[in-house]
Amino acid sequence: MYVYAVNYDLSGPVQNYGPLIEALKGFRRWCTPTKSQWLIVSEYSAADVANYLLKFIDNDDRLIVTELACDAAWYGLPPDVSQWLKEVLGNPRGTARYY
C-alpha cells in the first residue's frame, strides 16, 4: 500500500468538485488535512491514481499526486487527521513528529 498526497486546482469556468471528491472518497482510506489537499491510501502507482482522477477534472485543471515518505511533521491538524497520519505513516525509524 502507498500513501499519496493529492492536490488539485479546478480552474475552468465551471468548477464542479463533486465528481472528483466522490472519486477520492472511493479510495481504501482517505483524509483531508487541509482544504486543498487529500491524502489517500492505494495499491496503485501515483501515475495510475492520477490517470484515474483525470476522468473527473477538465483539461484546464491541475492535478498532482505524490507518494508520502515516512518522515513527516505536522502542526495544528484536527485530532482525527493526526491519528490517521500516525496510522498510515507508521515509521519503523520513529521519525514521524506531530504536535
PDB file of N, CA and C in Angstrom:
ATOM      1  N   MET A   1       0.832  -1.181   0.000  1.00  0.00           N
ATOM      2  CA  MET A   1       0.000   0.000   0.000  1.00  0.00           C
ATOM      3  C   MET A   1       0.876   1.244   0.000  1.00  0.00           C
ATOM      4  N   TYR A   2       0.405   2.251  -0.672  1.00  0.00           N
ATOM      5  CA  TYR A   2       1.113   3.521  -0.755  1.00  0.00           C
ATOM      6  C   TYR A   2       0.208   4.627  -0.212  1.00  0.00           C
ATOM      7  N   VAL A   3       0.822   5.640   0.360  1.00  0.00           N
ATOM      8  CA  VAL A   3       0.085   6.818   0.813  1.00  0.00           C
ATOM      9  C   VAL A   3       0.457   7.959  -0.129  1.00  0.00           C
ATOM     10  N   TYR A   4      -0.548   8.588  -0.701  1.00  0.00           N
ATOM     11  CA  TYR A   4      -0.342   9.672  -1.660  1.00  0.00           C
ATOM     12  C   TYR A   4      -0.990  10.959  -1.185  1.00  0.00           C
ATOM     13  N   ALA A   5      -0.345  12.065  -1.504  1.00  0.00           N
ATOM     14  CA  ALA A   5      -0.960  13.381  -1.361  1.00  0.00           C
ATOM     15  C   ALA A   5      -1.518  13.748  -2.729  1.00  0.00           C
ATOM     16  N   VAL A   6      -2.752  14.193  -2.749  1.00  0.00           N
ATOM     17  CA  VAL A   6      -3.411  14.619  -3.981  1.00  0.00           C
ATOM     18  C   VAL A   6      -3.765  16.089  -3.829  1.00  0.00           C
ATOM     19  N   ASN A   7      -3.238  16.894  -4.733  1.00  0.00           N
ATOM     20  CA  ASN A   7      -3.540  18.323  -4.760  1.00  0.00           C
ATOM     21  C   ASN A   7      -4.087  18.674  -6.128  1.00  0.00           C
ATOM     22  N   TYR A   8      -5.028  19.592  -6.159  1.00  0.00           N
ATOM     23  CA  TYR A   8      -5.644  19.960  -7.429  1.00  0.00           C
ATOM     24  C   TYR A   8      -6.109  21.401  -7.393  1.00  0.00           C
ATOM     25  N   ASP A   9      -6.186  21.980  -8.573  1.00  0.00           N
ATOM     26  CA  ASP A   9      -6.796  23.294  -8.790  1.00  0.00           C
ATOM     27  C   ASP A   9      -7.787  23.137  -9.927  1.00  0.00           C
ATOM     28  N   LEU A  10      -9.046  23.377  -9.651  1.00  0.00           N
ATOM     29  CA  LEU A  10     -10.046  23.379 -10.704  1.00  0.00           C
ATOM     30  C   LEU A  10     -10.185  24.818 -11.167  1.00  0.00           C
ATOM     31  N   SER A  11      -9.740  25.082 -12.385  1.00  0.00           N
ATOM     32  CA  SER A  11      -9.620  26.474 -12.819  1.00  0.00           C
ATOM     33  C   SER A  11     -10.538  26.852 -13.965  1.00  0.00           C
ATOM     34  N   GLY A  12     -11.329  25.939 -14.466  1.00  0.00           N
ATOM     35  CA  GLY A  12     -12.212  26.248 -15.582  1.00  0.00           C
ATOM     36  C   GLY A  12     -13.372  27.134 -15.171  1.00  0.00           C
ATOM     37  N   PRO A  13     -14.169  27.556 -16.137  1.00  0.00           N
ATOM     38  CA  PRO A  13     -15.318  28.398 -15.824  1.00  0.00           C
ATOM     39  C   PRO A  13     -16.347  27.684 -14.952  1.00  0.00           C
ATOM     40  N   VAL A  14     -16.422  26.362 -15.084  1.00  0.00           N
ATOM     41  CA  VAL A  14     -17.307  25.562 -14.233  1.00  0.00           C
ATOM     42  C   VAL A  14     -16.426  24.691 -13.349  1.00  0.00           C
ATOM     43  N   GLN A  15     -16.464  24.960 -12.052  1.00  0.00           N
ATOM     44  CA  GLN A  15     -15.628  24.213 -11.107  1.00  0.00           C
ATOM     45  C   GLN A  15     -16.505  23.229 -10.343  1.00  0.00           C
ATOM     46  N   ASN A  16     -16.656  22.046 -10.921  1.00  0.00           N
ATOM     47  CA  ASN A  16     -17.516  21.026 -10.333  1.00  0.00           C
ATOM     48  C   ASN A  16     -16.660  20.061  -9.517  1.00  0.00           C
ATOM     49  N   TYR A  17     -16.586  20.283  -8.225  1.00  0.00           N
ATOM     50  CA  TYR A  17     -15.757  19.472  -7.341  1.00  0.00           C
ATOM     51  C   TYR A  17     -16.394  18.127  -7.004  1.00  0.00           C
ATOM     52  N   GLY A  18     -17.699  18.019  -7.133  1.00  0.00           N
ATOM     53  CA  GLY A  18     -18.424  16.821  -6.694  1.00  0.00           C
ATOM     54  C   GLY A  18     -17.882  15.512  -7.235  1.00  0.00           C
ATOM     55  N   PRO A  19     -17.749  15.350  -8.558  1.00  0.00           N
ATOM     56  CA  PRO A  19     -17.255  14.065  -9.077  1.00  0.00           C
ATOM     57  C   PRO A  19     -15.842  13.724  -8.608  1.00  0.00           C
ATOM     58  N   LEU A  20     -14.958  14.703  -8.529  1.00  0.00           N
ATOM     59  CA  LEU A  20     -13.598  14.454  -8.072  1.00  0.00           C
ATOM     60  C   LEU A  20     -13.593  14.045  -6.599  1.00  0.00           C
ATOM     61  N   ILE A  21     -14.353  14.726  -5.789  1.00  0.00           N
ATOM     62  CA  ILE A  21     -14.418  14.399  -4.365  1.00  0.00           C
ATOM     63  C   ILE A  21     -14.976  12.995  -4.160  1.00  0.00           C
ATOM     64  N   GLU A  22     -16.006  12.635  -4.898  1.00  0.00           N
ATOM     65  CA  GLU A  22     -16.557  11.288  -4.776  1.00  0.00           C
ATOM     66  C   GLU A  22     -15.537  10.234  -5.215  1.00  0.00           C
ATOM     67  N   ALA A  23     -14.764  10.527  -6.252  1.00  0.00           N
ATOM     68  CA  ALA A  23     -13.714   9.598  -6.696  1.00  0.00           C
ATOM     69  C   ALA A  23     -12.658   9.432  -5.603  1.00  0.00           C
ATOM     70  N   LEU A  24     -12.273  10.526  -4.965  1.00  0.00           N
ATOM     71  CA  LEU A  24     -11.278  10.448  -3.889  1.00  0.00           C
ATOM     72  C   LEU A  24     -11.814   9.670  -2.694  1.00  0.00           C
ATOM     73  N   LYS A  25     -13.074   9.837  -2.394  1.00  0.00           N
ATOM     74  CA  LYS A  25     -13.679   9.107  -1.275  1.00  0.00           C
ATOM     75  C   LYS A  25     -13.786   7.611  -1.563  1.00  0.00           C
ATOM     76  N   GLY A  26     -13.624   7.226  -2.814  1.00  0.00           N
ATOM     77  CA  GLY A  26     -13.694   5.826  -3.189  1.00  0.00           C
ATOM     78  C   GLY A  26     -12.423   5.042  -2.901  1.00  0.00           C
ATOM     79  N   PHE A  27     -11.357   5.718  -2.511  1.00  0.00           N
ATOM     80  CA  PHE A  27     -10.125   5.011  -2.188  1.00  0.00           C
ATOM     81  C   PHE A  27     -10.255   4.325  -0.833  1.00  0.00           C
ATOM     82  N   ARG A  28      -9.411   3.327  -0.628  1.00  0.00           N
ATOM     83  CA  ARG A  28      -9.465   2.476   0.564  1.00  0.00           C
ATOM     84  C   ARG A  28      -9.527   3.288   1.858  1.00  0.00           C
ATOM     85  N   ARG A  29      -8.621   4.215   2.010  1.00  0.00           N
ATOM     86  CA  ARG A  29      -8.607   5.128   3.165  1.00  0.00           C
ATOM     87  C   ARG A  29      -8.273   6.505   2.649  1.00  0.00           C
ATOM     88  N   TRP A  30      -8.797   7.528   3.302  1.00  0.00           N
ATOM     89  CA  TRP A  30      -8.528   8.904   2.892  1.00  0.00           C
ATOM     90  C   TRP A  30      -8.763   9.850   4.055  1.00  0.00           C
ATOM     91  N   CYS A  31      -8.180  11.031   3.943  1.00  0.00           N
ATOM     92  CA  CYS A  31      -8.475  12.124   4.866  1.00  0.00           C
ATOM     93  C   CYS A  31      -8.139  13.439   4.160  1.00  0.00           C
ATOM     94  N   THR A  32      -8.631  14.520   4.721  1.00  0.00           N
ATOM     95  CA  THR A  32      -8.375  15.848   4.173  1.00  0.00           C
ATOM     96  C   THR A  32      -7.753  16.711   5.267  1.00  0.00           C
ATOM     97  N   PRO A  33      -6.413  16.749   5.330  1.00  0.00           N
ATOM     98  CA  PRO A  33      -5.766  17.522   6.391  1.00  0.00           C
ATOM     99  C   PRO A  33      -5.921  19.029   6.218  1.00  0.00           C
ATOM    100  N   THR A  34      -6.039  19.493   4.990  1.00  0.00           N
ATOM    101  CA  THR A  34      -6.287  20.914   4.713  1.00  0.00           C
ATOM    102  C   THR A  34      -7.362  21.004   3.640  1.00  0.00           C
ATOM    103  N   LYS A  35      -7.873  22.184   3.399  1.00  0.00           N
ATOM    104  CA  LYS A  35      -8.961  22.366   2.432  1.00  0.00           C
ATOM    105  C   LYS A  35      -8.572  21.980   1.017  1.00  0.00           C
ATOM    106  N   SER A  36      -7.301  22.096   0.673  1.00  0.00           N
ATOM    107  CA  SER A  36      -6.904  21.868  -0.714  1.00  0.00           C
ATOM    108  C   SER A  36      -6.064  20.610  -0.901  1.00  0.00           C
ATOM    109  N   GLN A  37      -6.058  19.716   0.091  1.00  0.00           N
ATOM    110  CA  GLN A  37      -5.244  18.507  -0.031  1.00  0.00           C
ATOM    111  C   GLN A  37      -6.004  17.294   0.473  1.00  0.00           C
ATOM    112  N   TRP A  38      -5.838  16.202  -0.240  1.00  0.00           N
ATOM    113  CA  TRP A  38      -6.360  14.914   0.178  1.00  0.00           C
ATOM    114  C   TRP A  38      -5.187  13.976   0.364  1.00  0.00           C
ATOM    115  N   LEU A  39      -5.277  13.094   1.335  1.00  0.00           N
ATOM    116  CA  LEU A  39      -4.324  12.006   1.495  1.00  0.00           C
ATOM    117  C   LEU A  39      -5.108  10.723   1.295  1.00  0.00           C
ATOM    118  N   ILE A  40      -4.572   9.841   0.451  1.00  0.00           N
ATOM    119  CA  ILE A  40      -5.270   8.594   0.147  1.00  0.00           C
ATOM    120  C   ILE A  40      -4.318   7.422   0.292  1.00  0.00           C
ATOM    121  N   VAL A  41      -4.878   6.246   0.500  1.00  0.00           N
ATOM    122  CA  VAL A  41      -4.117   5.005   0.517  1.00  0.00           C
ATOM    123  C   VAL A  41      -4.571   4.192  -0.683  1.00  0.00           C
ATOM    124  N   SER A  42      -3.601   3.694  -1.452  1.00  0.00           N
ATOM    125  CA  SER A  42      -3.922   2.921  -2.652  1.00  0.00           C
ATOM    126  C   SER A  42      -2.831   1.899  -2.925  1.00  0.00           C
ATOM    127  N   GLU A  43      -3.200   0.820  -3.594  1.00  0.00           N
ATOM    128  CA  GLU A  43      -2.215  -0.161  -4.015  1.00  0.00           C
ATOM    129  C   GLU A  43      -1.647   0.171  -5.396  1.00  0.00           C
ATOM    130  N   TYR A  44      -2.173   1.211  -6.022  1.00  0.00           N
ATOM    131  CA  TYR A  44      -1.756   1.589  -7.376  1.00  0.00           C
ATOM    132  C   TYR A  44      -0.642   2.631  -7.345  1.00  0.00           C
ATOM    133  N   SER A  45       0.050   2.786  -8.467  1.00  0.00           N
ATOM    134  CA  SER A  45       1.122   3.781  -8.581  1.00  0.00           C
ATOM    135  C   SER A  45       0.535   5.185  -8.623  1.00  0.00           C
ATOM    136  N   ALA A  46       1.383   6.169  -8.395  1.00  0.00           N
ATOM    137  CA  ALA A  46       0.946   7.570  -8.480  1.00  0.00           C
ATOM    138  C   ALA A  46       0.403   7.872  -9.870  1.00  0.00           C
ATOM    139  N   ALA A  47       1.062   7.356 -10.901  1.00  0.00           N
ATOM    140  CA  ALA A  47       0.595   7.586 -12.277  1.00  0.00           C
ATOM    141  C   ALA A  47      -0.783   6.969 -12.491  1.00  0.00           C
ATOM    142  N   ASP A  48      -1.005   5.762 -11.975  1.00  0.00           N
ATOM    143  CA  ASP A  48      -2.318   5.129 -12.102  1.00  0.00           C
ATOM    144  C   ASP A  48      -3.397   5.930 -11.387  1.00  0.00           C
ATOM    145  N   VAL A  49      -3.089   6.411 -10.194  1.00  0.00           N
ATOM    146  CA  VAL A  49      -4.049   7.226  -9.438  1.00  0.00           C
ATOM    147  C   VAL A  49      -4.360   8.509 -10.220  1.00  0.00           C
ATOM    148  N   ALA A  50      -3.323   9.176 -10.707  1.00  0.00           N
ATOM    149  CA  ALA A  50      -3.526  10.412 -11.466  1.00  0.00           C
ATOM    150  C   ALA A  50      -4.364  10.147 -12.717  1.00  0.00           C
ATOM    151  N   ASN A  51      -4.041   9.092 -13.449  1.00  0.00           N
ATOM    152  CA  ASN A  51      -4.802   8.776 -14.665  1.00  0.00           C
ATOM    153  C   ASN A  51      -6.259   8.502 -14.346  1.00  0.00           C
ATOM    154  N   TYR A  52      -6.524   7.852 -13.244  1.00  0.00           N
ATOM    155  CA  TYR A  52      -7.903   7.609 -12.834  1.00  0.00           C
ATOM    156  C   TYR A  52      -8.610   8.923 -12.513  1.00  0.00           C
ATOM    157  N   LEU A  53      -7.951   9.798 -11.734  1.00  0.00           N
ATOM    158  CA  LEU A  53      -8.581  11.054 -11.322  1.00  0.00           C
ATOM    159  C   LEU A  53      -8.774  12.031 -12.474  1.00  0.00           C
ATOM    160  N   LEU A  54      -7.970  11.900 -13.531  1.00  0.00           N
ATOM    161  CA  LEU A  54      -8.116  12.791 -14.688  1.00  0.00           C
ATOM    162  C   LEU A  54      -9.503  12.696 -15.307  1.00  0.00           C
ATOM    163  N   LYS A  55     -10.180  11.581 -15.105  1.00  0.00           N
ATOM    164  CA  LYS A  55     -11.529  11.418 -15.651  1.00  0.00           C
ATOM    165  C   LYS A  55     -12.531  12.371 -14.997  1.00  0.00           C
ATOM    166  N   PHE A  56     -12.150  12.931 -13.851  1.00  0.00           N
ATOM    167  CA  PHE A  56     -13.090  13.728 -13.066  1.00  0.00           C
ATOM    168  C   PHE A  56     -12.760  15.220 -13.058  1.00  0.00           C
ATOM    169  N   ILE A  57     -11.789  15.638 -13.864  1.00  0.00           N
ATOM    170  CA  ILE A  57     -11.438  17.059 -13.954  1.00  0.00           C
ATOM    171  C   ILE A  57     -11.407  17.476 -15.418  1.00  0.00           C
ATOM    172  N   ASP A  58     -11.382  18.788 -15.649  1.00  0.00           N
ATOM    173  CA  ASP A  58     -11.351  19.330 -17.008  1.00  0.00           C
ATOM    174  C   ASP A  58      -9.914  19.475 -17.504  1.00  0.00           C
ATOM    175  N   ASN A  59      -9.769  19.689 -18.804  1.00  0.00           N
ATOM    176  CA  ASN A  59      -8.440  19.803 -19.421  1.00  0.00           C
ATOM    177  C   ASN A  59      -7.632  20.991 -18.909  1.00  0.00           C
ATOM    178  N   ASP A  60      -8.292  22.036 -18.438  1.00  0.00           N
ATOM    179  CA  ASP A  60      -7.562  23.220 -17.965  1.00  0.00           C
ATOM    180  C   ASP A  60      -7.331  23.208 -16.441  1.00  0.00           C
ATOM    181  N   ASP A  61      -7.686  22.113 -15.783  1.00  0.00           N
ATOM    182  CA  ASP A  61      -7.445  21.977 -14.345  1.00  0.00           C
ATOM    183  C   ASP A  61      -6.038  21.435 -14.103  1.00  0.00           C
ATOM    184  N   ARG A  62      -5.620  21.435 -12.841  1.00  0.00           N
ATOM    185  CA  ARG A  62      -4.291  20.946 -12.464  1.00  0.00           C
ATOM    186  C   ARG A  62      -4.430  19.852 -11.420  1.00  0.00           C
ATOM    187  N   LEU A  63      -3.508  18.883 -11.486  1.00  0.00           N
ATOM    188  CA  LEU A  63      -3.541  17.757 -10.569  1.00  0.00           C
ATOM    189  C   LEU A  63      -2.122  17.279 -10.321  1.00  0.00           C
ATOM    190  N   ILE A  64      -1.809  16.984  -9.068  1.00  0.00           N
ATOM    191  CA  ILE A  64      -0.523  16.365  -8.733  1.00  0.00           C
ATOM    192  C   ILE A  64      -0.767  15.293  -7.679  1.00  0.00           C
ATOM    193  N   VAL A  65      -0.159  14.130  -7.903  1.00  0.00           N
ATOM    194  CA  VAL A  65      -0.245  13.005  -6.974  1.00  0.00           C
ATOM    195  C   VAL A  65       1.184  12.640  -6.603  1.00  0.00           C
ATOM    196  N   THR A  66       1.511  12.697  -5.312  1.00  0.00           N
ATOM    197  CA  THR A  66       2.871  12.396  -4.859  1.00  0.00           C
ATOM    198  C   THR A  66       2.819  11.399  -3.711  1.00  0.00           C
ATOM    199  N   GLU A  67       3.767  10.466  -3.719  1.00  0.00           N
ATOM    200  CA  GLU A  67       3.842   9.496  -2.629  1.00  0.00           C
ATOM    201  C   GLU A  67       4.457  10.161  -1.402  1.00  0.00           C
ATOM    202  N   LEU A  68       3.888   9.884  -0.241  1.00  0.00           N
ATOM    203  CA  LEU A  68       4.412  10.434   1.000  1.00  0.00           C
ATOM    204  C   LEU A  68       5.494   9.530   1.562  1.00  0.00           C
ATOM    205  N   ALA A  69       6.542  10.124   2.064  1.00  0.00           N
ATOM    206  CA  ALA A  69       7.603   9.383   2.744  1.00  0.00           C
ATOM    207  C   ALA A  69       7.235   9.231   4.213  1.00  0.00           C
ATOM    208  N   CYS A  70       7.964   8.405   4.916  1.00  0.00           N
ATOM    209  CA  CYS A  70       7.657   8.169   6.327  1.00  0.00           C
ATOM    210  C   CYS A  70       8.061   9.330   7.223  1.00  0.00           C
ATOM    211  N   ASP A  71       9.049  10.088   6.846  1.00  0.00           N
ATOM    212  CA  ASP A  71       9.479  11.202   7.678  1.00  0.00           C
ATOM    213  C   ASP A  71       8.476  12.335   7.503  1.00  0.00           C
ATOM    214  N   ALA A  72       7.735  12.640   8.538  1.00  0.00           N
ATOM    215  CA  ALA A  72       6.653  13.613   8.414  1.00  0.00           C
ATOM    216  C   ALA A  72       6.554  14.447   9.683  1.00  0.00           C
ATOM    217  N   ALA A  73       6.079  15.648   9.528  1.00  0.00           N
ATOM    218  CA  ALA A  73       5.805  16.527  10.659  1.00  0.00           C
ATOM    219  C   ALA A  73       4.573  17.345  10.321  1.00  0.00           C
ATOM    220  N   TRP A  74       3.776  17.650  11.335  1.00  0.00           N
ATOM    221  CA  TRP A  74       2.596  18.467  11.097  1.00  0.00           C
ATOM    222  C   TRP A  74       2.237  19.219  12.360  1.00  0.00           C
ATOM    223  N   TYR A  75       1.410  20.224  12.175  1.00  0.00           N
ATOM    224  CA  TYR A  75       1.023  21.091  13.281  1.00  0.00           C
ATOM    225  C   TYR A  75      -0.403  21.571  13.058  1.00  0.00           C
ATOM    226  N   GLY A  76      -1.185  21.592  14.100  1.00  0.00           N
ATOM    227  CA  GLY A  76      -2.497  22.216  14.070  1.00  0.00           C
ATOM    228  C   GLY A  76      -3.573  21.433  13.345  1.00  0.00           C
ATOM    229  N   LEU A  77      -3.329  20.166  13.041  1.00  0.00           N
ATOM    230  CA  LEU A  77      -4.350  19.381  12.364  1.00  0.00           C
ATOM    231  C   LEU A  77      -5.354  18.851  13.380  1.00  0.00           C
ATOM    232  N   PRO A  78      -6.575  18.616  12.942  1.00  0.00           N
ATOM    233  CA  PRO A  78      -7.562  18.044  13.860  1.00  0.00           C
ATOM    234  C   PRO A  78      -7.081  16.689  14.384  1.00  0.00           C
ATOM    235  N   PRO A  79      -7.487  16.306  15.592  1.00  0.00           N
ATOM    236  CA  PRO A  79      -7.028  15.044  16.174  1.00  0.00           C
ATOM    237  C   PRO A  79      -7.285  13.818  15.291  1.00  0.00           C
ATOM    238  N   ASP A  80      -8.436  13.777  14.608  1.00  0.00           N
ATOM    239  CA  ASP A  80      -8.721  12.606  13.772  1.00  0.00           C
ATOM    240  C   ASP A  80      -7.764  12.518  12.589  1.00  0.00           C
ATOM    241  N   VAL A  81      -7.371  13.651  12.023  1.00  0.00           N
ATOM    242  CA  VAL A  81      -6.410  13.660  10.918  1.00  0.00           C
ATOM    243  C   VAL A  81      -5.028  13.268  11.433  1.00  0.00           C
ATOM    244  N   SER A  82      -4.647  13.787  12.580  1.00  0.00           N
ATOM    245  CA  SER A  82      -3.366  13.436  13.177  1.00  0.00           C
ATOM    246  C   SER A  82      -3.295  11.934  13.447  1.00  0.00           C
ATOM    247  N   GLN A  83      -4.355  11.363  13.975  1.00  0.00           N
ATOM    248  CA  GLN A  83      -4.395   9.922  14.233  1.00  0.00           C
ATOM    249  C   GLN A  83      -4.305   9.138  12.925  1.00  0.00           C
ATOM    250  N   TRP A  84      -5.016   9.590  11.891  1.00  0.00           N
ATOM    251  CA  TRP A  84      -4.975   8.931  10.582  1.00  0.00           C
ATOM    252  C   TRP A  84      -3.544   8.914  10.062  1.00  0.00           C
ATOM    253  N   LEU A  85      -2.866  10.034  10.152  1.00  0.00           N
ATOM    254  CA  LEU A  85      -1.482  10.115   9.685  1.00  0.00           C
ATOM    255  C   LEU A  85      -0.578   9.161  10.459  1.00  0.00           C
ATOM    256  N   LYS A  86      -0.755   9.107  11.772  1.00  0.00           N
ATOM    257  CA  LYS A  86       0.056   8.199  12.584  1.00  0.00           C
ATOM    258  C   LYS A  86      -0.154   6.748  12.157  1.00  0.00           C
ATOM    259  N   GLU A  87      -1.389   6.407  11.834  1.00  0.00           N
ATOM    260  CA  GLU A  87      -1.706   5.034  11.442  1.00  0.00           C
ATOM    261  C   GLU A  87      -1.120   4.677  10.077  1.00  0.00           C
ATOM    262  N   VAL A  88      -1.277   5.543   9.095  1.00  0.00           N
ATOM    263  CA  VAL A  88      -0.866   5.178   7.733  1.00  0.00           C
ATOM    264  C   VAL A  88       0.601   5.469   7.453  1.00  0.00           C
ATOM    265  N   LEU A  89       1.219   6.331   8.240  1.00  0.00           N
ATOM    266  CA  LEU A  89       2.630   6.636   8.036  1.00  0.00           C
ATOM    267  C   LEU A  89       3.505   5.932   9.071  1.00  0.00           C
ATOM    268  N   GLY A  90       3.017   4.828   9.611  1.00  0.00           N
ATOM    269  CA  GLY A  90       3.801   4.089  10.587  1.00  0.00           C
ATOM    270  C   GLY A  90       5.248   3.999  10.130  1.00  0.00           C
ATOM    271  N   ASN A  91       6.155   4.385  11.010  1.00  0.00           N
ATOM    272  CA  ASN A  91       7.549   4.524  10.612  1.00  0.00           C
ATOM    273  C   ASN A  91       8.446   3.769  11.581  1.00  0.00           C
ATOM    274  N   PRO A  92       9.120   2.723  11.089  1.00  0.00           N
ATOM    275  CA  PRO A  92       9.993   1.980  11.996  1.00  0.00           C
ATOM    276  C   PRO A  92      11.172   2.792  12.509  1.00  0.00           C
ATOM    277  N   ARG A  93      11.546   3.840  11.801  1.00  0.00           N
ATOM    278  CA  ARG A  93      12.650   4.691  12.270  1.00  0.00           C
ATOM    279  C   ARG A  93      12.181   5.654  13.351  1.00  0.00           C
ATOM    280  N   GLY A  94      10.893   5.813  13.497  1.00  0.00           N
ATOM    281  CA  GLY A  94      10.357   6.691  14.535  1.00  0.00           C
ATOM    282  C   GLY A  94      10.582   8.170  14.265  1.00  0.00           C
ATOM    283  N   THR A  95      10.627   8.573  12.993  1.00  0.00           N
ATOM    284  CA  THR A  95      10.907   9.974  12.706  1.00  0.00           C
ATOM    285  C   THR A  95       9.641  10.809  12.493  1.00  0.00           C
ATOM    286  N   ALA A  96       8.475  10.209  12.549  1.00  0.00           N
ATOM    287  CA  ALA A  96       7.259  10.997  12.412  1.00  0.00           C
ATOM    288  C   ALA A  96       7.111  11.867  13.659  1.00  0.00           C
ATOM    289  N   ARG A  97       6.890  13.128  13.468  1.00  0.00           N
ATOM    290  CA  ARG A  97       6.721  14.070  14.580  1.00  0.00           C
ATOM    291  C   ARG A  97       5.356  14.734  14.448  1.00  0.00           C
ATOM    292  N   TYR A  98       4.706  14.974  15.533  1.00  0.00           N
ATOM    293  CA  TYR A  98       3.405  15.608  15.493  1.00  0.00           C
ATOM    294  C   TYR A  98       3.218  16.428  16.757  1.00  0.00           C
ATOM    295  N   TYR A  99       2.332  17.395  16.652  1.00  0.00           N
ATOM    296  CA  TYR A  99       2.125  18.336  17.748  1.00  0.00           C
ATOM    297  C   TYR A  99       0.656  18.371  18.105  1.00  0.00           C
TER     298      TYR A  99
END
